Amino acid sequence: MPFPPKKAALILIGHGSTVNPDSSTPTLQHADAIRERGLFAEVHCAFWKEEPSMREVFYAVKSDTVYVVPNFISEGYFCQQVLPRELRLSGPITQRENKTVYYCDPVGIHPSMTKLLLHRADEVAQNVPRNQTTLIIVGHGTSLNENSRKAIQDQVKLISEGGYGFAEVLDAYMEEAPFVAKWHEMASAPNVVVVPFFIADGLHSFQDIPVLLGIESEITAAASQMDVFRENPHVMHGKKLYYSSAVGTDDLMPEVILDQVKDFDQKHGIQPTEPSSSDPISPLPSSPFTIGQIQVTPKDGKWLLHHLEDKGQEGFLAIDMTPVAARKIAMMDAAGNFRAIKTAPTLKRGWLLVLNTEAQLRLALDFFYPAALGFWDHHQNGTLQPVHLRETLGRQTGMYRFANTIKDEQAQQMVACECDAKTKCLRRITWQLAETQPLTVLTAEKLPPTAPTPTEIPLLCVEACTHLVSSAREISKSNFSAASVAKD
């Protein structure tokens, strides 16, 4: 059944990474595919480890109705605890501020994931008879949440009982039995297809699993620097082993995302409605302006964007005319290092974007600096709600739950170091250490603007990022270790 267009926003939630782009790339690509189809008024992404965060993304959303779809495999710790906490959700349907937020199930548990698994298996083992093939679906495996295995076991049952013709269908895991390293003992057929049941091709599917399978003898290059699937089939243990890329990278994944939205509507009786309101959008400057390290110039009905330090060199720059090019430019610095912090002062030079419409400009700027325009809109309208550092640290759970034990003086110095505008981040900090305790270490370039200027859209920070939370955790751990040593 065709997907009916919605006058609503869609937010895809991914995990993200601080070390490489491989974790977030599928989520971003699926969002692009859905955005191009014009099915939603707006499509955004948010991440646990990248920008924008789940707290930040709502500043970029204008629609009053929002569908949130976790691009996660299982109903585990993140989907049940972390995401609702960070998104400030009270259940499947949440009313907050002037928005209605619909929290859908994660994509990995939808029955239509079966067709992606079959597509992956057929793609990697073309013309290999299914009745002579063992299909192994691989997950991480953990004892922390009983639901972490359920999505895989459900798919094993669906394919086994669905008449798809495989000799056998098995589940296996990296860190608990049945172990994927025992694949050759588990499989009875002469051909074995291994499909990682992950959202993205990251360190597990590119590095860890190949070693466990015996394809590689040791950990190799990072995911974005190699193609581990280049040598299929691998003849090992008297069998032919076919190793697939992660199921979540499949081109059919946007359909699963849309299926989760349709299922949510059906389950909760949601009927199409006209939007009743939307957040105000502040106009962009009509004359040349800067944002971060970017110069924006309106010219002949178009918008020209380039690095501030390339001013006067426009005739010698590489030209692109698509907003998505902005994301590619912002992904790596000049040395080829991943830019996990998009507001770091490391944007590379040598490019020129020529965009035809303001909508394209806004999308490109959102790729360069996620949610920055939304922050500025809310700042000007007096609706920005900074979250103080102690509040951010205090709501952490799991391995980060001790982060808030950091001492005040240590927290002040941490902010001064980790948020330095010259080396770390260009954002201007709007939050304090605590509600009645200001940050005393901020330089003038880190303070929020007191009045708007027609030639600059400042980059604002509304809450401490995941990098600060991680630093606070490490400092708190050091305090605990030092105290333990002193006590002994």
Protein backbone atom coordinates (compact mmCIF):
# COMPACT_ATOMS: atom_id res chain seq x y z
CA MET A 1 0.00 0.00 0.00
CA PRO A 2 1.45 3.43 -0.95
CA PHE A 3 2.59 5.61 1.89
CA PRO A 4 0.26 8.62 2.25
CA PRO A 5 2.13 11.95 2.54
CA LYS A 6 2.02 13.53 5.98
CA LYS A 7 2.07 17.16 7.03
CA ALA A 8 4.39 16.22 9.86
CA ALA A 9 8.06 15.89 10.70
CA LEU A 10 10.03 12.64 10.76
CA ILE A 11 13.05 12.22 13.03
CA LEU A 12 15.31 9.20 12.58
CA ILE A 13 17.38 8.39 15.65
CA GLY A 14 20.77 6.71 15.23
CA HIS A 15 23.62 5.82 17.55
CA GLY A 16 26.45 7.63 15.78
CA SER A 17 30.15 7.53 16.59
CA THR A 18 32.92 9.85 17.74
CA VAL A 19 35.60 8.08 15.68
CA ASN A 20 34.27 7.46 12.16
CA PRO A 21 31.26 8.23 9.93
CA ASP A 22 30.24 4.61 9.35
CA SER A 23 27.71 4.42 12.18
CA SER A 24 25.64 7.44 11.14
CA THR A 25 25.94 7.17 7.35
CA PRO A 26 23.05 4.70 6.79
CA THR A 27 20.68 6.76 8.95
CA LEU A 28 21.57 9.92 7.02
CA GLN A 29 21.20 8.17 3.67
CA HIS A 30 17.81 6.71 4.57
CA ALA A 31 16.68 10.19 5.66
CA ASP A 32 17.84 11.58 2.29
CA ALA A 33 15.85 8.93 0.41
CA ILE A 34 12.67 9.66 2.38
CA ARG A 35 13.17 13.43 2.11
CA GLU A 36 13.48 13.21 -1.67
CA ARG A 37 10.11 11.46 -1.87
CA GLY A 38 8.35 14.43 -0.27
CA LEU A 39 6.37 12.25 2.15
CA PHE A 40 6.93 14.50 5.19
CA ALA A 41 7.00 18.24 5.69
CA GLU A 42 10.52 17.83 7.06
CA VAL A 43 12.97 15.01 7.75
CA HIS A 44 15.69 15.19 10.39
CA CYS A 45 18.26 12.91 12.05
CA ALA A 46 19.54 12.90 15.62
CA PHE A 47 22.19 10.80 17.33
CA TRP A 48 23.50 9.63 20.68
CA LYS A 49 27.15 10.22 19.76
CA GLU A 50 26.93 12.83 17.00
CA GLU A 51 25.21 16.11 16.20
CA PRO A 52 22.47 17.01 16.51
CA SER A 53 21.76 15.31 19.81
CA MET A 54 18.28 14.10 20.70
CA ARG A 55 17.83 17.15 22.92
CA GLU A 56 18.96 19.51 20.14
CA VAL A 57 17.00 18.17 17.18
CA PHE A 58 13.62 19.52 18.33
CA TYR A 59 14.97 23.05 17.94
CA ALA A 60 15.25 22.34 14.22
CA VAL A 61 11.71 20.94 13.91
CA LYS A 62 8.96 23.36 12.88
CA SER A 63 6.01 20.98 12.50
CA ASP A 64 3.63 20.48 15.39
CA THR A 65 3.34 16.72 14.74
CA VAL A 66 6.51 14.64 14.94
CA TYR A 67 7.15 10.95 14.26
CA VAL A 68 10.28 9.54 15.89
CA VAL A 69 11.63 6.27 14.49
CA PRO A 70 14.65 4.68 16.23
CA ASN A 71 17.04 3.31 13.63
CA PHE A 72 18.02 0.58 16.08
CA ILE A 73 17.87 -3.20 15.82
CA SER A 74 16.18 -4.15 19.09
CA GLU A 75 13.98 -2.89 21.91
CA GLY A 76 16.95 -2.84 24.22
CA TYR A 77 18.50 -0.43 26.68
CA PHE A 78 18.73 2.50 24.27
CA CYS A 79 15.18 2.32 22.91
CA GLN A 80 13.59 1.64 26.29
CA GLN A 81 15.63 3.97 28.51
CA VAL A 82 18.11 6.30 26.81
CA LEU A 83 16.00 7.52 23.89
CA PRO A 84 12.82 8.29 25.89
CA ARG A 85 14.93 10.07 28.50
CA GLU A 86 16.85 12.19 26.01
CA LEU A 87 13.79 12.92 23.87
CA ARG A 88 11.76 13.70 27.02
CA LEU A 89 9.00 11.26 26.11
CA SER A 90 6.40 9.92 28.52
CA GLY A 91 5.16 7.08 26.29
CA PRO A 92 4.22 6.26 22.70
CA ILE A 93 2.38 9.62 22.45
CA THR A 94 3.79 12.66 24.21
CA GLN A 95 2.51 16.24 24.30
CA ARG A 96 5.40 18.64 24.89
CA GLU A 97 5.44 22.37 24.37
CA ASN A 98 3.34 22.83 21.23
CA LYS A 99 4.15 19.46 19.66
CA THR A 100 2.68 15.98 19.57
CA VAL A 101 5.44 13.38 19.41
CA TYR A 102 4.77 9.83 18.22
CA TYR A 103 7.44 7.37 19.35
CA CYS A 104 7.51 4.40 16.96
CA ASP A 105 9.07 0.98 17.48
CA PRO A 106 12.69 0.47 16.36
CA VAL A 107 13.08 -0.62 12.75
CA GLY A 108 14.83 -3.88 13.60
CA ILE A 109 11.79 -5.53 15.16
CA HIS A 110 9.48 -4.95 12.19
CA PRO A 111 8.50 -8.13 10.29
CA SER A 112 9.42 -6.48 6.97
CA MET A 113 13.09 -6.75 7.96
CA THR A 114 12.75 -10.29 6.58
CA LYS A 115 12.80 -9.07 2.99
CA LEU A 116 16.01 -7.11 3.71
CA LEU A 117 17.70 -10.20 5.13
CA LEU A 118 16.69 -12.23 2.08
CA HIS A 119 17.81 -9.44 -0.23
CA ARG A 120 21.20 -9.30 1.48
CA ALA A 121 21.61 -13.09 1.32
CA ASP A 122 20.71 -13.28 -2.37
CA GLU A 123 22.89 -10.29 -3.18
CA VAL A 124 26.03 -11.71 -1.58
CA ALA A 125 25.52 -15.31 -2.77
CA GLN A 126 24.08 -14.91 -6.24
CA ASN A 127 22.96 -18.11 -7.96
CA VAL A 128 23.82 -20.20 -4.89
CA PRO A 129 20.98 -22.70 -4.26
CA ARG A 130 19.16 -21.88 -1.03
CA ASN A 131 18.49 -25.54 -0.33
CA GLN A 132 22.26 -26.01 -0.09
CA THR A 133 22.81 -22.94 2.06
CA THR A 134 22.84 -22.20 5.78
CA LEU A 135 21.79 -18.65 6.60
CA ILE A 136 23.34 -17.30 9.82
CA ILE A 137 22.03 -14.03 11.24
CA VAL A 138 24.60 -12.45 13.56
CA GLY A 139 24.06 -10.06 16.46
CA HIS A 140 26.17 -8.60 19.22
CA GLY A 141 24.71 -10.49 22.14
CA THR A 142 24.47 -9.16 25.67
CA SER A 143 23.08 -10.18 29.03
CA LEU A 144 22.12 -6.58 29.87
CA ASN A 145 18.72 -6.74 28.18
CA GLU A 146 16.72 -9.83 27.26
CA ASN A 147 15.26 -8.07 24.21
CA SER A 148 18.67 -7.72 22.55
CA ARG A 149 18.38 -11.22 21.02
CA LYS A 150 14.65 -11.23 20.36
CA ALA A 151 14.72 -9.34 17.04
CA ILE A 152 17.20 -11.85 15.57
CA GLN A 153 15.39 -14.89 16.95
CA ASP A 154 12.11 -13.60 15.54
CA GLN A 155 13.67 -13.30 12.09
CA VAL A 156 15.17 -16.79 12.32
CA LYS A 157 11.70 -18.15 13.05
CA LEU A 158 10.02 -16.13 10.29
CA ILE A 159 12.50 -17.27 7.64
CA SER A 160 12.68 -20.87 8.88
CA GLU A 161 8.91 -21.27 8.89
CA GLY A 162 8.21 -19.03 5.90
CA GLY A 163 9.10 -21.49 3.17
CA TYR A 164 12.08 -19.52 1.86
CA GLY A 165 14.02 -22.65 1.00
CA PHE A 166 17.20 -22.42 3.08
CA ALA A 167 18.71 -25.65 4.33
CA GLU A 168 18.69 -24.08 7.79
CA VAL A 169 18.50 -20.65 9.42
CA LEU A 170 20.52 -20.00 12.58
CA ASP A 171 21.22 -17.16 14.98
CA ALA A 172 24.71 -16.48 16.32
CA TYR A 173 26.35 -13.81 18.46
CA MET A 174 29.67 -12.16 19.06
CA GLU A 175 29.69 -12.24 22.85
CA GLU A 176 27.36 -15.05 23.92
CA ALA A 177 26.41 -18.53 22.76
CA PRO A 178 25.83 -19.67 20.14
CA PHE A 179 29.07 -17.96 19.13
CA VAL A 180 29.58 -16.86 15.54
CA ALA A 181 33.18 -18.08 15.80
CA LYS A 182 31.71 -21.62 15.78
CA TRP A 183 29.89 -21.05 12.46
CA HIS A 184 31.58 -23.99 10.73
CA GLU A 185 30.49 -26.33 13.52
CA MET A 186 26.92 -24.99 13.54
CA ALA A 187 26.28 -25.07 9.78
CA SER A 188 25.57 -28.37 8.03
CA ALA A 189 25.16 -27.07 4.46
CA PRO A 190 28.12 -26.69 2.05
CA ASN A 191 27.34 -22.96 1.58
CA VAL A 192 27.08 -20.53 4.49
CA VAL A 193 25.79 -16.97 4.25
CA VAL A 194 26.49 -14.71 7.24
CA VAL A 195 24.46 -11.50 7.53
CA PRO A 196 25.22 -9.06 10.40
CA PHE A 197 21.93 -7.90 11.89
CA PHE A 198 23.27 -4.40 12.54
CA ILE A 199 22.11 -0.99 11.45
CA ALA A 200 25.50 0.05 10.08
CA ASP A 201 28.80 -1.35 8.91
CA GLY A 202 30.99 -0.26 11.78
CA LEU A 203 33.77 -1.76 13.81
CA HIS A 204 31.84 -4.97 14.50
CA SER A 205 30.98 -5.92 10.92
CA PHE A 206 34.20 -4.66 9.34
CA GLN A 207 36.72 -5.63 12.02
CA ASP A 208 35.48 -7.91 14.79
CA ILE A 209 33.28 -10.41 12.95
CA PRO A 210 35.79 -11.08 10.12
CA VAL A 211 38.30 -12.14 12.78
CA LEU A 212 35.72 -14.32 14.53
CA LEU A 213 34.80 -15.94 11.20
CA GLY A 214 38.45 -16.52 10.37
CA ILE A 215 38.38 -14.30 7.26
CA GLU A 216 41.01 -12.06 8.86
CA SER A 217 43.70 -13.12 11.29
CA GLU A 218 43.77 -9.81 13.13
CA ILE A 219 41.94 -6.49 13.39
CA THR A 220 42.40 -4.57 10.13
CA ALA A 221 41.71 -1.05 8.88
CA ALA A 222 38.74 1.01 9.99
CA ALA A 223 35.43 0.41 8.31
CA SER A 224 35.56 3.46 6.09
CA GLN A 225 39.01 2.50 4.81
CA MET A 226 38.47 -1.02 3.50
CA ASP A 227 36.11 -3.46 1.80
CA VAL A 228 36.00 -6.69 3.75
CA PHE A 229 33.40 -8.14 1.40
CA ARG A 230 35.64 -8.07 -1.67
CA GLU A 231 36.71 -11.75 -1.65
CA ASN A 232 33.43 -13.71 -1.41
CA PRO A 233 33.25 -16.66 -1.25
CA HIS A 234 35.82 -17.64 1.37
CA VAL A 235 36.64 -21.35 1.15
CA MET A 236 37.16 -22.49 4.74
CA HIS A 237 36.58 -25.67 6.76
CA GLY A 238 35.35 -27.44 3.64
CA LYS A 239 32.58 -24.88 3.07
CA LYS A 240 32.02 -21.75 1.02
CA LEU A 241 31.47 -18.77 3.30
CA TYR A 242 29.68 -15.67 2.00
CA TYR A 243 29.89 -12.61 4.25
CA SER A 244 27.39 -9.78 3.78
CA SER A 245 27.37 -6.13 4.79
CA ALA A 246 25.02 -5.08 7.60
CA VAL A 247 21.32 -5.48 6.93
CA GLY A 248 20.65 -1.87 7.95
CA THR A 249 22.60 -0.51 4.99
CA ASP A 250 20.20 -2.05 2.47
CA ASP A 251 18.49 0.28 -0.02
CA LEU A 252 15.12 -1.12 1.07
CA MET A 253 15.55 0.19 4.62
CA PRO A 254 13.53 3.40 4.04
CA GLU A 255 10.51 1.19 3.35
CA VAL A 256 10.91 -0.44 6.77
CA ILE A 257 11.04 3.01 8.38
CA LEU A 258 7.82 3.99 6.64
CA ASP A 259 6.26 0.66 7.64
CA GLN A 260 6.91 1.48 11.29
CA VAL A 261 5.14 4.84 10.86
CA LYS A 262 2.15 3.18 9.17
CA ASP A 263 1.98 0.52 11.88
CA PHE A 264 2.06 3.20 14.58
CA ASP A 265 -0.88 5.02 12.99
CA GLN A 266 -2.86 1.79 12.74
CA LYS A 267 -2.06 0.68 16.28
CA HIS A 268 -2.96 4.02 17.87
CA GLY A 269 -5.77 5.06 15.54
CA ILE A 270 -3.95 8.13 14.23
CA GLN A 271 -5.88 9.92 11.50
CA PRO A 272 -4.43 12.44 9.02
CA THR A 273 -4.87 15.97 10.35
CA GLU A 274 -3.94 19.42 9.21
CA PRO A 275 -1.12 21.02 11.19
CA SER A 276 -2.53 23.47 13.72
CA SER A 277 0.61 25.49 14.21
CA SER A 278 4.32 25.55 13.63
CA ASP A 279 7.30 27.20 15.25
CA PRO A 280 8.19 30.61 13.81
CA ILE A 281 11.06 30.81 11.35
CA SER A 282 13.28 33.86 11.58
CA PRO A 283 14.22 35.29 8.18
CA LEU A 284 17.78 34.87 7.00
CA PRO A 285 19.81 38.04 6.39
CA SER A 286 19.22 39.48 2.93
CA SER A 287 22.82 40.62 2.64
CA PRO A 288 26.07 38.61 2.96
CA PHE A 289 26.47 36.97 6.36
CA THR A 290 28.68 34.47 8.18
CA ILE A 291 27.87 31.39 10.22
CA GLY A 292 30.74 29.56 11.86
CA GLN A 293 33.52 29.31 9.27
CA ILE A 294 31.17 29.87 6.33
CA GLN A 295 30.51 32.97 4.24
CA VAL A 296 27.01 33.11 2.71
CA THR A 297 26.35 35.55 -0.14
CA PRO A 298 23.05 36.10 -2.00
CA LYS A 299 23.75 36.73 -5.68
CA ASP A 300 21.49 36.84 -8.75
CA GLY A 301 18.72 34.93 -7.01
CA LYS A 302 21.07 32.22 -5.77
CA TRP A 303 23.06 31.58 -2.61
CA LEU A 304 26.85 31.19 -2.67
CA LEU A 305 28.64 29.48 0.22
CA HIS A 306 32.37 29.07 0.81
CA HIS A 307 34.92 28.93 3.61
CA LEU A 308 35.64 32.32 5.18
CA GLU A 309 39.35 31.96 4.40
CA ASP A 310 38.57 31.39 0.70
CA LYS A 311 37.14 34.88 0.24
CA GLY A 312 38.32 36.29 -3.07
CA GLN A 313 39.16 32.83 -4.41
CA GLU A 314 35.66 31.91 -5.61
CA GLY A 315 36.78 31.51 -9.22
CA PHE A 316 39.26 28.80 -8.24
CA LEU A 317 37.05 26.67 -5.98
CA ALA A 318 35.43 23.30 -6.71
CA ILE A 319 31.75 23.97 -7.38
CA ASP A 320 28.79 21.88 -6.26
CA MET A 321 25.08 22.69 -6.52
CA THR A 322 23.43 20.24 -4.10
CA PRO A 323 22.73 20.69 -0.37
CA VAL A 324 23.91 17.13 0.39
CA ALA A 325 27.40 18.19 -0.71
CA ALA A 326 27.54 20.25 2.49
CA ARG A 327 27.39 17.11 4.60
CA LYS A 328 30.21 15.51 2.62
CA ILE A 329 32.35 18.64 3.00
CA ALA A 330 31.71 18.81 6.75
CA MET A 331 32.43 15.11 7.37
CA MET A 332 36.25 15.20 7.25
CA ASP A 333 38.88 17.83 7.91
CA ALA A 334 41.69 18.71 5.52
CA ALA A 335 43.82 15.84 6.88
CA GLY A 336 41.05 13.27 6.35
CA ASN A 337 40.09 12.99 10.02
CA PHE A 338 36.44 12.49 10.97
CA ARG A 339 34.79 15.65 12.34
CA ALA A 340 32.52 14.27 15.06
CA ILE A 341 32.05 17.86 16.29
CA LYS A 342 30.70 19.81 13.32
CA THR A 343 31.26 23.12 15.10
CA ALA A 344 34.98 22.41 15.52
CA PRO A 345 37.16 25.09 13.83
CA THR A 346 38.42 22.49 11.34
CA LEU A 347 36.12 22.94 8.33
CA LYS A 348 38.18 22.28 5.22
CA ARG A 349 38.62 24.82 2.44
CA GLY A 350 38.53 24.70 -1.36
CA TRP A 351 34.81 24.39 -2.14
CA LEU A 352 31.96 26.57 -3.40
CA LEU A 353 28.27 25.72 -3.08
CA VAL A 354 25.81 27.42 -5.41
CA LEU A 355 22.22 26.85 -4.24
CA ASN A 356 19.02 27.91 -5.99
CA THR A 357 16.57 28.36 -3.12
CA GLU A 358 16.40 29.38 0.51
CA ALA A 359 15.10 25.89 1.34
CA GLN A 360 18.28 24.40 -0.15
CA LEU A 361 20.37 26.92 1.77
CA ARG A 362 18.70 26.05 5.07
CA LEU A 363 19.21 22.33 4.44
CA ALA A 364 22.88 22.84 3.54
CA LEU A 365 23.50 24.93 6.66
CA ASP A 366 21.80 22.24 8.74
CA PHE A 367 24.26 19.71 7.28
CA PHE A 368 27.20 21.99 8.05
CA TYR A 369 26.00 22.98 11.53
CA PRO A 370 23.12 20.73 12.72
CA ALA A 371 20.22 22.59 14.38
CA ALA A 372 22.16 25.89 14.39
CA LEU A 373 19.42 27.84 12.59
CA GLY A 374 16.84 26.41 14.99
CA PHE A 375 18.88 27.53 18.01
CA TRP A 376 19.12 31.01 16.56
CA ASP A 377 15.37 31.16 15.87
CA HIS A 378 14.55 30.20 19.44
CA HIS A 379 17.19 32.54 20.85
CA GLN A 380 15.65 35.48 19.01
CA ASN A 381 12.13 34.46 20.02
CA GLY A 382 13.10 34.01 23.68
CA THR A 383 12.25 30.30 23.70
CA LEU A 384 15.73 28.80 23.99
CA GLN A 385 15.92 26.57 27.07
CA PRO A 386 19.53 26.00 28.13
CA VAL A 387 20.21 22.90 30.23
CA HIS A 388 22.80 23.46 32.94
CA LEU A 389 25.76 21.10 33.19
CA ARG A 390 24.76 19.58 36.54
CA GLU A 391 21.32 18.73 35.15
CA THR A 392 22.84 17.11 32.06
CA LEU A 393 25.29 15.05 34.09
CA GLY A 394 22.67 14.20 36.69
CA ARG A 395 20.34 12.43 34.27
CA GLN A 396 23.01 10.08 32.91
CA THR A 397 22.63 6.33 33.43
CA GLY A 398 24.65 3.22 32.70
CA MET A 399 28.40 3.74 32.40
CA TYR A 400 27.97 7.53 32.62
CA ARG A 401 25.98 7.59 35.86
CA PHE A 402 28.96 8.74 37.95
CA ALA A 403 29.79 11.72 35.71
CA ASN A 404 28.02 14.17 38.03
CA THR A 405 30.45 13.45 40.87
CA ILE A 406 32.98 15.72 39.16
CA LYS A 407 34.05 18.57 41.43
CA ASP A 408 33.03 22.15 40.62
CA GLU A 409 36.58 23.36 40.02
CA GLN A 410 37.29 20.38 37.78
CA ALA A 411 34.09 21.02 35.83
CA GLN A 412 35.04 24.66 35.26
CA GLN A 413 38.47 23.70 33.96
CA MET A 414 37.02 20.90 31.84
CA VAL A 415 34.71 23.35 30.07
CA ALA A 416 37.56 25.79 29.51
CA CYS A 417 39.66 23.06 27.90
CA GLU A 418 37.11 20.99 25.98
CA CYS A 419 35.11 23.96 24.64
CA ASP A 420 38.02 26.21 23.63
CA ALA A 421 36.94 28.19 20.55
CA LYS A 422 40.35 28.23 18.91
CA THR A 423 40.94 24.47 19.02
CA LYS A 424 37.74 22.59 19.97
CA CYS A 425 34.36 24.23 19.32
CA LEU A 426 33.00 27.50 17.93
CA ARG A 427 29.70 27.41 19.80
CA ARG A 428 28.79 30.12 22.28
CA ILE A 429 27.70 28.57 25.57
CA THR A 430 24.25 29.53 26.87
CA TRP A 431 24.18 27.20 29.91
CA GLN A 432 25.75 27.47 33.38
CA LEU A 433 27.45 25.03 35.71
CA ALA A 434 24.23 24.88 37.76
CA GLU A 435 21.05 26.92 38.00
CA THR A 436 22.57 29.41 40.44
CA GLN A 437 26.22 28.81 39.59
CA PRO A 438 27.65 30.47 36.47
CA LEU A 439 30.63 29.32 34.45
CA THR A 440 33.53 31.57 35.38
CA VAL A 441 36.03 30.39 32.75
CA LEU A 442 34.40 31.54 29.52
CA THR A 443 36.27 33.88 27.22
CA ALA A 444 34.39 36.61 25.36
CA GLU A 445 34.18 34.50 22.20
CA LYS A 446 32.36 31.75 24.15
CA LEU A 447 29.68 34.00 25.64
CA PRO A 448 26.24 34.19 24.02
CA PRO A 449 25.52 37.33 21.97
CA THR A 450 23.62 40.10 23.74
CA ALA A 451 22.07 41.46 20.53
CA PRO A 452 21.63 40.16 16.97
CA THR A 453 23.92 41.38 14.22
CA PRO A 454 22.82 41.54 10.56
CA THR A 455 26.06 40.01 9.31
CA GLU A 456 26.41 36.93 11.54
CA ILE A 457 24.34 33.98 12.72
CA PRO A 458 26.19 32.78 15.82
CA LEU A 459 26.58 29.11 16.71
CA LEU A 460 24.93 28.47 20.08
CA CYS A 461 25.34 25.65 22.57
CA VAL A 462 22.20 24.85 24.54
CA GLU A 463 23.53 21.84 26.48
CA ALA A 464 26.82 20.07 27.18
CA CYS A 465 27.61 17.61 24.39
CA THR A 466 28.45 13.92 24.67
CA HIS A 467 32.16 14.74 24.58
CA LEU A 468 31.86 16.80 27.77
CA VAL A 469 29.80 14.08 29.43
CA SER A 470 32.50 11.54 28.56
CA SER A 471 35.22 13.84 29.90
CA ALA A 472 33.30 14.34 33.14
CA ARG A 473 33.00 10.57 33.50
CA GLU A 474 36.74 10.07 33.03
CA ILE A 475 37.59 12.79 35.56
CA SER A 476 35.11 11.33 38.05
CA LYS A 477 36.61 7.87 37.57
CA SER A 478 40.08 9.30 38.27
CA ASN A 479 38.77 10.91 41.45
CA PHE A 480 37.32 7.59 42.60
CA SER A 481 40.56 5.73 41.81
CA ALA A 482 42.67 8.33 43.61
CA ALA A 483 40.38 8.21 46.64
CA SER A 484 40.59 4.41 46.71
CA VAL A 485 44.38 4.48 46.57
CA ALA A 486 44.55 7.07 49.36
CA LYS A 487 42.19 5.00 51.50
CA ASP A 488 44.29 1.86 51.05
